[in-house]
Protein backbone atom coordinates (compact mmCIF):
# COMPACT_ATOMS: atom_id res chain seq x y z
CA MET A 1 0.00 0.00 0.00
CA ALA A 2 1.42 3.36 -1.01
CA ARG A 3 1.75 6.05 1.61
CA VAL A 4 0.55 9.51 0.63
CA ASP A 5 2.71 12.34 1.94
CA LYS A 6 1.10 15.68 2.65
CA LEU A 7 2.46 18.76 0.96
CA LYS A 8 4.56 20.85 3.30
CA GLU A 9 2.25 23.80 2.50
CA ARG A 10 -0.79 21.78 3.61
CA ILE A 11 0.87 20.90 6.91
CA GLU A 12 1.76 24.58 7.39
CA ILE A 13 -1.83 25.68 6.64
CA GLU A 14 -3.28 23.18 9.12
CA LYS A 15 -0.76 24.18 11.79
CA LYS A 16 -0.73 28.00 11.43
CA LEU A 17 -4.29 28.94 10.49
CA ARG A 18 -6.03 28.28 13.79
CA LYS A 19 -8.35 31.28 14.16
CA LYS A 20 -10.32 33.72 12.02
CA GLU A 21 -8.28 36.10 9.84
CA ASP A 22 -5.01 34.18 10.26
CA SER A 23 -3.05 34.11 7.00
CA ILE A 24 0.09 32.71 5.40
CA ARG A 25 1.89 34.49 2.57
CA TYR A 26 3.97 32.76 -0.14
CA GLU A 27 6.00 34.08 -3.07
CA PHE A 28 4.00 33.91 -6.29
CA SER A 29 4.38 30.85 -8.49
CA ASP A 30 1.79 29.47 -10.91
CA GLY A 31 2.55 25.91 -9.84
CA LEU A 32 2.28 26.73 -6.14
CA ALA A 33 -0.96 28.64 -6.72
CA VAL A 34 -2.53 25.56 -8.32
CA GLN A 35 -1.30 23.31 -5.49
CA LEU A 36 -2.62 25.68 -2.84
CA ARG A 37 -6.03 25.98 -4.53
CA ARG A 38 -6.36 22.18 -4.65
CA CYS A 39 -5.23 21.86 -1.04
CA VAL A 40 -7.65 24.55 0.17
CA SER A 41 -10.48 22.98 -1.83
CA ASP A 42 -9.84 19.65 -0.13
CA LEU A 43 -9.60 21.25 3.33
CA ASN A 44 -12.89 23.09 2.75
CA ARG A 45 -14.55 19.83 1.65
CA LEU A 46 -13.34 18.09 4.81
CA ALA A 47 -14.57 21.00 6.95
CA ARG A 48 -18.04 20.62 5.40
CA ILE A 49 -18.02 16.89 6.11
CA ASP A 50 -17.03 17.58 9.74
CA ARG A 51 -19.78 20.25 9.89
CA ILE A 52 -17.34 23.00 10.81
CA ILE A 53 -18.82 25.18 8.06
CA GLU A 54 -22.09 25.24 6.11
CA LYS A 55 -22.44 24.03 2.54
CA ASP A 56 -22.05 27.49 0.95
CA GLN A 57 -19.17 28.71 3.18
CA ARG A 58 -15.40 28.45 2.78
CA LEU A 59 -13.16 27.96 5.80
CA TYR A 60 -10.00 28.80 3.82
CA SER A 61 -9.52 30.91 0.71
CA VAL A 62 -6.59 31.69 -1.60
CA LYS A 63 -5.85 35.28 -2.66
CA THR A 64 -3.32 35.73 -5.47
CA ASN A 65 -1.64 38.92 -6.62
CA ARG A 66 0.66 38.27 -9.55
CA GLY A 67 1.66 41.95 -9.83
CA ALA A 68 2.78 42.19 -6.20
CA GLY A 69 4.24 38.68 -6.37
CA TYR A 70 2.45 36.87 -3.57
CA ILE A 71 -0.15 34.23 -2.76
CA LYS A 72 -2.03 34.45 0.51
CA VAL A 73 -4.04 31.69 2.20
CA VAL A 74 -6.59 33.08 4.67
CA ARG A 75 -8.84 31.46 7.25
CA ASN A 76 -12.32 32.99 6.95
CA TYR A 77 -14.09 31.58 10.04
């Protein structure tokens, strides 16, 4: 059976974003932006399953700013 390793960014998100309006900032990269969006999507899905948030809410969101050169992951609730 293959073991699935978590992305280091996912571990960091789970560890650092504990309360509302916490955020983590990364340098902009298209590849990292895609990884973070997938990770956040999965974390939001799991939060809905655990009934932490309602169906139409998002616990985490990704804000990208290519011009300023950063990606920010924010906890909304």
